[in-house]
Amino acid sequence: MSLVQCSNEDMLLYKMNSLRKQLDRAVHEHQSLSDERVVQISQELDTYVLQFQKSVWSRITKREVLQ
């Protein structure tokens, strides 16, 4: 599937998975959950998780309204 064909949620999932991998590597490398880089990646991941949840919730509520 090309990036042009991806939905917003697909793009968010891709970015979240990428950040999860980065976070895992950073924690392993720095051996600390409070390291500045680890916290930075975690906070960025949090923003994408919230965007994804809002998108899914919006889609679900629209579907319920239409029924």
PDB file of N, CA and C in Angstrom:
ATOM      1  N   MET A   1       0.842  -1.167   0.000  1.00  0.00           N
ATOM      2  CA  MET A   1       0.000   0.000   0.000  1.00  0.00           C
ATOM      3  C   MET A   1       0.894   1.238   0.000  1.00  0.00           C
ATOM      4  N   SER A   2       0.621   2.171  -0.891  1.00  0.00           N
ATOM      5  CA  SER A   2       1.417   3.385  -0.933  1.00  0.00           C
ATOM      6  C   SER A   2       0.937   4.349   0.143  1.00  0.00           C
ATOM      7  N   LEU A   3       1.766   5.332   0.450  1.00  0.00           N
ATOM      8  CA  LEU A   3       1.400   6.308   1.467  1.00  0.00           C
ATOM      9  C   LEU A   3       0.215   7.147   1.032  1.00  0.00           C
ATOM     10  N   VAL A   4       0.024   7.319  -0.279  1.00  0.00           N
ATOM     11  CA  VAL A   4      -1.092   8.104  -0.794  1.00  0.00           C
ATOM     12  C   VAL A   4      -2.412   7.430  -0.453  1.00  0.00           C
ATOM     13  N   GLN A   5      -2.444   6.123  -0.399  1.00  0.00           N
ATOM     14  CA  GLN A   5      -3.658   5.365  -0.148  1.00  0.00           C
ATOM     15  C   GLN A   5      -3.942   5.181   1.351  1.00  0.00           C
ATOM     16  N   CYS A   6      -3.052   5.606   2.199  1.00  0.00           N
ATOM     17  CA  CYS A   6      -3.212   5.406   3.639  1.00  0.00           C
ATOM     18  C   CYS A   6      -4.197   6.416   4.218  1.00  0.00           C
ATOM     19  N   SER A   7      -4.979   5.948   5.158  1.00  0.00           N
ATOM     20  CA  SER A   7      -5.870   6.842   5.890  1.00  0.00           C
ATOM     21  C   SER A   7      -5.058   7.590   6.944  1.00  0.00           C
ATOM     22  N   ASN A   8      -5.678   8.603   7.521  1.00  0.00           N
ATOM     23  CA  ASN A   8      -5.038   9.341   8.602  1.00  0.00           C
ATOM     24  C   ASN A   8      -4.697   8.396   9.753  1.00  0.00           C
ATOM     25  N   GLU A   9      -5.595   7.482  10.067  1.00  0.00           N
ATOM     26  CA  GLU A   9      -5.332   6.531  11.152  1.00  0.00           C
ATOM     27  C   GLU A   9      -4.175   5.603  10.810  1.00  0.00           C
ATOM     28  N   ASP A  10      -4.073   5.201   9.562  1.00  0.00           N
ATOM     29  CA  ASP A  10      -2.942   4.368   9.147  1.00  0.00           C
ATOM     30  C   ASP A  10      -1.622   5.116   9.334  1.00  0.00           C
ATOM     31  N   MET A  11      -1.628   6.392   8.964  1.00  0.00           N
ATOM     32  CA  MET A  11      -0.414   7.199   9.115  1.00  0.00           C
ATOM     33  C   MET A  11      -0.063   7.358  10.592  1.00  0.00           C
ATOM     34  N   LEU A  12      -1.076   7.572  11.416  1.00  0.00           N
ATOM     35  CA  LEU A  12      -0.829   7.699  12.856  1.00  0.00           C
ATOM     36  C   LEU A  12      -0.278   6.395  13.427  1.00  0.00           C
ATOM     37  N   LEU A  13      -0.836   5.269  13.013  1.00  0.00           N
ATOM     38  CA  LEU A  13      -0.338   3.971  13.487  1.00  0.00           C
ATOM     39  C   LEU A  13       1.111   3.756  13.066  1.00  0.00           C
ATOM     40  N   TYR A  14       1.423   4.119  11.834  1.00  0.00           N
ATOM     41  CA  TYR A  14       2.793   3.986  11.335  1.00  0.00           C
ATOM     42  C   TYR A  14       3.744   4.825  12.190  1.00  0.00           C
ATOM     43  N   LYS A  15       3.360   6.080  12.450  1.00  0.00           N
ATOM     44  CA  LYS A  15       4.200   6.973  13.241  1.00  0.00           C
ATOM     45  C   LYS A  15       4.327   6.464  14.682  1.00  0.00           C
ATOM     46  N   MET A  16       3.215   5.988  15.257  1.00  0.00           N
ATOM     47  CA  MET A  16       3.268   5.459  16.627  1.00  0.00           C
ATOM     48  C   MET A  16       4.195   4.252  16.719  1.00  0.00           C
ATOM     49  N   ASN A  17       4.116   3.358  15.768  1.00  0.00           N
ATOM     50  CA  ASN A  17       4.987   2.176  15.786  1.00  0.00           C
ATOM     51  C   ASN A  17       6.453   2.572  15.641  1.00  0.00           C
ATOM     52  N   SER A  18       6.708   3.554  14.784  1.00  0.00           N
ATOM     53  CA  SER A  18       8.071   4.045  14.621  1.00  0.00           C
ATOM     54  C   SER A  18       8.589   4.651  15.920  1.00  0.00           C
ATOM     55  N   LEU A  19       7.767   5.453  16.577  1.00  0.00           N
ATOM     56  CA  LEU A  19       8.171   6.068  17.840  1.00  0.00           C
ATOM     57  C   LEU A  19       8.334   5.032  18.949  1.00  0.00           C
ATOM     58  N   ARG A  20       7.496   4.012  18.954  1.00  0.00           N
ATOM     59  CA  ARG A  20       7.651   2.946  19.957  1.00  0.00           C
ATOM     60  C   ARG A  20       9.003   2.267  19.817  1.00  0.00           C
ATOM     61  N   LYS A  21       9.412   2.032  18.577  1.00  0.00           N
ATOM     62  CA  LYS A  21      10.723   1.420  18.343  1.00  0.00           C
ATOM     63  C   LYS A  21      11.841   2.348  18.802  1.00  0.00           C
ATOM     64  N   GLN A  22      11.710   3.638  18.480  1.00  0.00           N
ATOM     65  CA  GLN A  22      12.707   4.613  18.916  1.00  0.00           C
ATOM     66  C   GLN A  22      12.774   4.669  20.442  1.00  0.00           C
ATOM     67  N   LEU A  23      11.607   4.640  21.072  1.00  0.00           N
ATOM     68  CA  LEU A  23      11.540   4.695  22.530  1.00  0.00           C
ATOM     69  C   LEU A  23      12.218   3.475  23.144  1.00  0.00           C
ATOM     70  N   ASP A  24      11.948   2.313  22.578  1.00  0.00           N
ATOM     71  CA  ASP A  24      12.566   1.081  23.072  1.00  0.00           C
ATOM     72  C   ASP A  24      14.087   1.162  22.966  1.00  0.00           C
ATOM     73  N   ARG A  25      14.566   1.639  21.818  1.00  0.00           N
ATOM     74  CA  ARG A  25      16.020   1.760  21.622  1.00  0.00           C
ATOM     75  C   ARG A  25      16.615   2.786  22.598  1.00  0.00           C
ATOM     76  N   ALA A  26      15.917   3.911  22.783  1.00  0.00           N
ATOM     77  CA  ALA A  26      16.431   4.961  23.669  1.00  0.00           C
ATOM     78  C   ALA A  26      16.493   4.481  25.115  1.00  0.00           C
ATOM     79  N   VAL A  27      15.467   3.768  25.558  1.00  0.00           N
ATOM     80  CA  VAL A  27      15.474   3.243  26.927  1.00  0.00           C
ATOM     81  C   VAL A  27      16.623   2.253  27.088  1.00  0.00           C
ATOM     82  N   HIS A  28      16.802   1.397  26.105  1.00  0.00           N
ATOM     83  CA  HIS A  28      17.886   0.408  26.165  1.00  0.00           C
ATOM     84  C   HIS A  28      19.247   1.103  26.176  1.00  0.00           C
ATOM     85  N   GLU A  29      19.381   2.126  25.339  1.00  0.00           N
ATOM     86  CA  GLU A  29      20.656   2.836  25.221  1.00  0.00           C
ATOM     87  C   GLU A  29      20.983   3.645  26.483  1.00  0.00           C
ATOM     88  N   HIS A  30      20.008   4.354  27.010  1.00  0.00           N
ATOM     89  CA  HIS A  30      20.260   5.258  28.131  1.00  0.00           C
ATOM     90  C   HIS A  30      20.019   4.610  29.494  1.00  0.00           C
ATOM     91  N   GLN A  31      19.362   3.450  29.511  1.00  0.00           N
ATOM     92  CA  GLN A  31      19.120   2.717  30.758  1.00  0.00           C
ATOM     93  C   GLN A  31      18.406   3.574  31.801  1.00  0.00           C
ATOM     94  N   SER A  32      17.539   4.471  31.325  1.00  0.00           N
ATOM     95  CA  SER A  32      16.823   5.350  32.250  1.00  0.00           C
ATOM     96  C   SER A  32      15.539   5.832  31.609  1.00  0.00           C
ATOM     97  N   LEU A  33      14.443   5.723  32.358  1.00  0.00           N
ATOM     98  CA  LEU A  33      13.167   6.226  31.860  1.00  0.00           C
ATOM     99  C   LEU A  33      13.077   7.743  31.987  1.00  0.00           C
ATOM    100  N   SER A  34      13.969   8.342  32.767  1.00  0.00           N
ATOM    101  CA  SER A  34      13.929   9.783  32.964  1.00  0.00           C
ATOM    102  C   SER A  34      14.947  10.538  32.110  1.00  0.00           C
ATOM    103  N   ASP A  35      15.677   9.815  31.257  1.00  0.00           N
ATOM    104  CA  ASP A  35      16.612  10.470  30.351  1.00  0.00           C
ATOM    105  C   ASP A  35      15.851  11.447  29.454  1.00  0.00           C
ATOM    106  N   GLU A  36      16.453  12.593  29.181  1.00  0.00           N
ATOM    107  CA  GLU A  36      15.793  13.649  28.402  1.00  0.00           C
ATOM    108  C   GLU A  36      15.282  13.147  27.053  1.00  0.00           C
ATOM    109  N   ARG A  37      16.085  12.372  26.355  1.00  0.00           N
ATOM    110  CA  ARG A  37      15.677  11.863  25.031  1.00  0.00           C
ATOM    111  C   ARG A  37      14.517  10.878  25.167  1.00  0.00           C
ATOM    112  N   VAL A  38      14.551  10.019  26.162  1.00  0.00           N
ATOM    113  CA  VAL A  38      13.482   9.047  26.403  1.00  0.00           C
ATOM    114  C   VAL A  38      12.169   9.784  26.685  1.00  0.00           C
ATOM    115  N   VAL A  39      12.230  10.784  27.529  1.00  0.00           N
ATOM    116  CA  VAL A  39      11.034  11.566  27.863  1.00  0.00           C
ATOM    117  C   VAL A  39      10.503  12.280  26.625  1.00  0.00           C
ATOM    118  N   GLN A  40      11.394  12.842  25.829  1.00  0.00           N
ATOM    119  CA  GLN A  40      10.996  13.556  24.614  1.00  0.00           C
ATOM    120  C   GLN A  40      10.248  12.629  23.651  1.00  0.00           C
ATOM    121  N   ILE A  41      10.800  11.457  23.411  1.00  0.00           N
ATOM    122  CA  ILE A  41      10.154  10.495  22.509  1.00  0.00           C
ATOM    123  C   ILE A  41       8.816  10.050  23.090  1.00  0.00           C
ATOM    124  N   SER A  42       8.787   9.796  24.385  1.00  0.00           N
ATOM    125  CA  SER A  42       7.557   9.362  25.041  1.00  0.00           C
ATOM    126  C   SER A  42       6.466  10.416  24.916  1.00  0.00           C
ATOM    127  N   GLN A  43       6.822  11.673  25.097  1.00  0.00           N
ATOM    128  CA  GLN A  43       5.838  12.754  24.982  1.00  0.00           C
ATOM    129  C   GLN A  43       5.338  12.895  23.545  1.00  0.00           C
ATOM    130  N   GLU A  44       6.231  12.747  22.585  1.00  0.00           N
ATOM    131  CA  GLU A  44       5.815  12.802  21.182  1.00  0.00           C
ATOM    132  C   GLU A  44       4.873  11.646  20.865  1.00  0.00           C
ATOM    133  N   LEU A  45       5.209  10.465  21.356  1.00  0.00           N
ATOM    134  CA  LEU A  45       4.341   9.304  21.163  1.00  0.00           C
ATOM    135  C   LEU A  45       2.969   9.551  21.783  1.00  0.00           C
ATOM    136  N   ASP A  46       2.944  10.139  22.963  1.00  0.00           N
ATOM    137  CA  ASP A  46       1.671  10.457  23.620  1.00  0.00           C
ATOM    138  C   ASP A  46       0.777  11.315  22.733  1.00  0.00           C
ATOM    139  N   THR A  47       1.352  12.286  22.046  1.00  0.00           N
ATOM    140  CA  THR A  47       0.534  13.163  21.201  1.00  0.00           C
ATOM    141  C   THR A  47      -0.094  12.390  20.047  1.00  0.00           C
ATOM    142  N   TYR A  48       0.655  11.451  19.481  1.00  0.00           N
ATOM    143  CA  TYR A  48       0.112  10.649  18.387  1.00  0.00           C
ATOM    144  C   TYR A  48      -0.946   9.665  18.886  1.00  0.00           C
ATOM    145  N   VAL A  49      -0.735   9.116  20.062  1.00  0.00           N
ATOM    146  CA  VAL A  49      -1.729   8.207  20.638  1.00  0.00           C
ATOM    147  C   VAL A  49      -3.041   8.959  20.864  1.00  0.00           C
ATOM    148  N   LEU A  50      -2.963  10.168  21.400  1.00  0.00           N
ATOM    149  CA  LEU A  50      -4.168  10.968  21.619  1.00  0.00           C
ATOM    150  C   LEU A  50      -4.862  11.311  20.302  1.00  0.00           C
ATOM    151  N   GLN A  51      -4.087  11.673  19.288  1.00  0.00           N
ATOM    152  CA  GLN A  51      -4.669  11.959  17.973  1.00  0.00           C
ATOM    153  C   GLN A  51      -5.394  10.736  17.425  1.00  0.00           C
ATOM    154  N   PHE A  52      -4.762   9.577  17.579  1.00  0.00           N
ATOM    155  CA  PHE A  52      -5.366   8.340  17.094  1.00  0.00           C
ATOM    156  C   PHE A  52      -6.663   8.045  17.835  1.00  0.00           C
ATOM    157  N   GLN A  53      -6.636   8.175  19.146  1.00  0.00           N
ATOM    158  CA  GLN A  53      -7.842   7.920  19.941  1.00  0.00           C
ATOM    159  C   GLN A  53      -8.966   8.874  19.565  1.00  0.00           C
ATOM    160  N   LYS A  54      -8.643  10.139  19.358  1.00  0.00           N
ATOM    161  CA  LYS A  54      -9.658  11.114  18.945  1.00  0.00           C
ATOM    162  C   LYS A  54     -10.235  10.756  17.583  1.00  0.00           C
ATOM    163  N   SER A  55      -9.395  10.332  16.678  1.00  0.00           N
ATOM    164  CA  SER A  55      -9.848   9.967  15.342  1.00  0.00           C
ATOM    165  C   SER A  55     -10.787   8.767  15.387  1.00  0.00           C
ATOM    166  N   VAL A  56     -10.404   7.755  16.127  1.00  0.00           N
ATOM    167  CA  VAL A  56     -11.235   6.554  16.250  1.00  0.00           C
ATOM    168  C   VAL A  56     -12.550   6.899  16.935  1.00  0.00           C
ATOM    169  N   TRP A  57     -12.474   7.669  18.019  1.00  0.00           N
ATOM    170  CA  TRP A  57     -13.689   8.036  18.753  1.00  0.00           C
ATOM    171  C   TRP A  57     -14.629   8.849  17.861  1.00  0.00           C
ATOM    172  N   SER A  58     -14.072   9.750  17.086  1.00  0.00           N
ATOM    173  CA  SER A  58     -14.878  10.569  16.187  1.00  0.00           C
ATOM    174  C   SER A  58     -15.581   9.695  15.152  1.00  0.00           C
ATOM    175  N   ARG A  59     -14.860   8.754  14.599  1.00  0.00           N
ATOM    176  CA  ARG A  59     -15.423   7.852  13.594  1.00  0.00           C
ATOM    177  C   ARG A  59     -16.542   7.006  14.209  1.00  0.00           C
ATOM    178  N   ILE A  60     -16.330   6.514  15.415  1.00  0.00           N
ATOM    179  CA  ILE A  60     -17.323   5.669  16.085  1.00  0.00           C
ATOM    180  C   ILE A  60     -18.593   6.466  16.397  1.00  0.00           C
ATOM    181  N   THR A  61     -18.413   7.664  16.924  1.00  0.00           N
ATOM    182  CA  THR A  61     -19.579   8.471  17.281  1.00  0.00           C
ATOM    183  C   THR A  61     -20.358   8.900  16.039  1.00  0.00           C
ATOM    184  N   LYS A  62     -19.674   9.186  14.959  1.00  0.00           N
ATOM    185  CA  LYS A  62     -20.372   9.532  13.695  1.00  0.00           C
ATOM    186  C   LYS A  62     -21.182   8.348  13.201  1.00  0.00           C
ATOM    187  N   ARG A  63     -20.621   7.159  13.311  1.00  0.00           N
ATOM    188  CA  ARG A  63     -21.308   5.951  12.874  1.00  0.00           C
ATOM    189  C   ARG A  63     -22.566   5.734  13.711  1.00  0.00           C
ATOM    190  N   GLU A  64     -22.464   5.966  15.027  1.00  0.00           N
ATOM    191  CA  GLU A  64     -23.631   5.783  15.915  1.00  0.00           C
ATOM    192  C   GLU A  64     -24.734   6.793  15.592  1.00  0.00           C
ATOM    193  N   VAL A  65     -24.359   8.013  15.261  1.00  0.00           N
ATOM    194  CA  VAL A  65     -25.326   9.044  14.921  1.00  0.00           C
ATOM    195  C   VAL A  65     -26.060   8.680  13.638  1.00  0.00           C
ATOM    196  N   LEU A  66     -25.361   8.091  12.708  1.00  0.00           N
ATOM    197  CA  LEU A  66     -25.961   7.740  11.416  1.00  0.00           C
ATOM    198  C   LEU A  66     -26.894   6.538  11.499  1.00  0.00           C
ATOM    199  N   GLN A  67     -26.785   5.760  12.546  1.00  0.00           N
ATOM    200  CA  GLN A  67     -27.613   4.559  12.639  1.00  0.00           C
ATOM    201  C   GLN A  67     -29.002   4.861  13.108  1.00  0.00           C
TER     202      GLN A  67
END
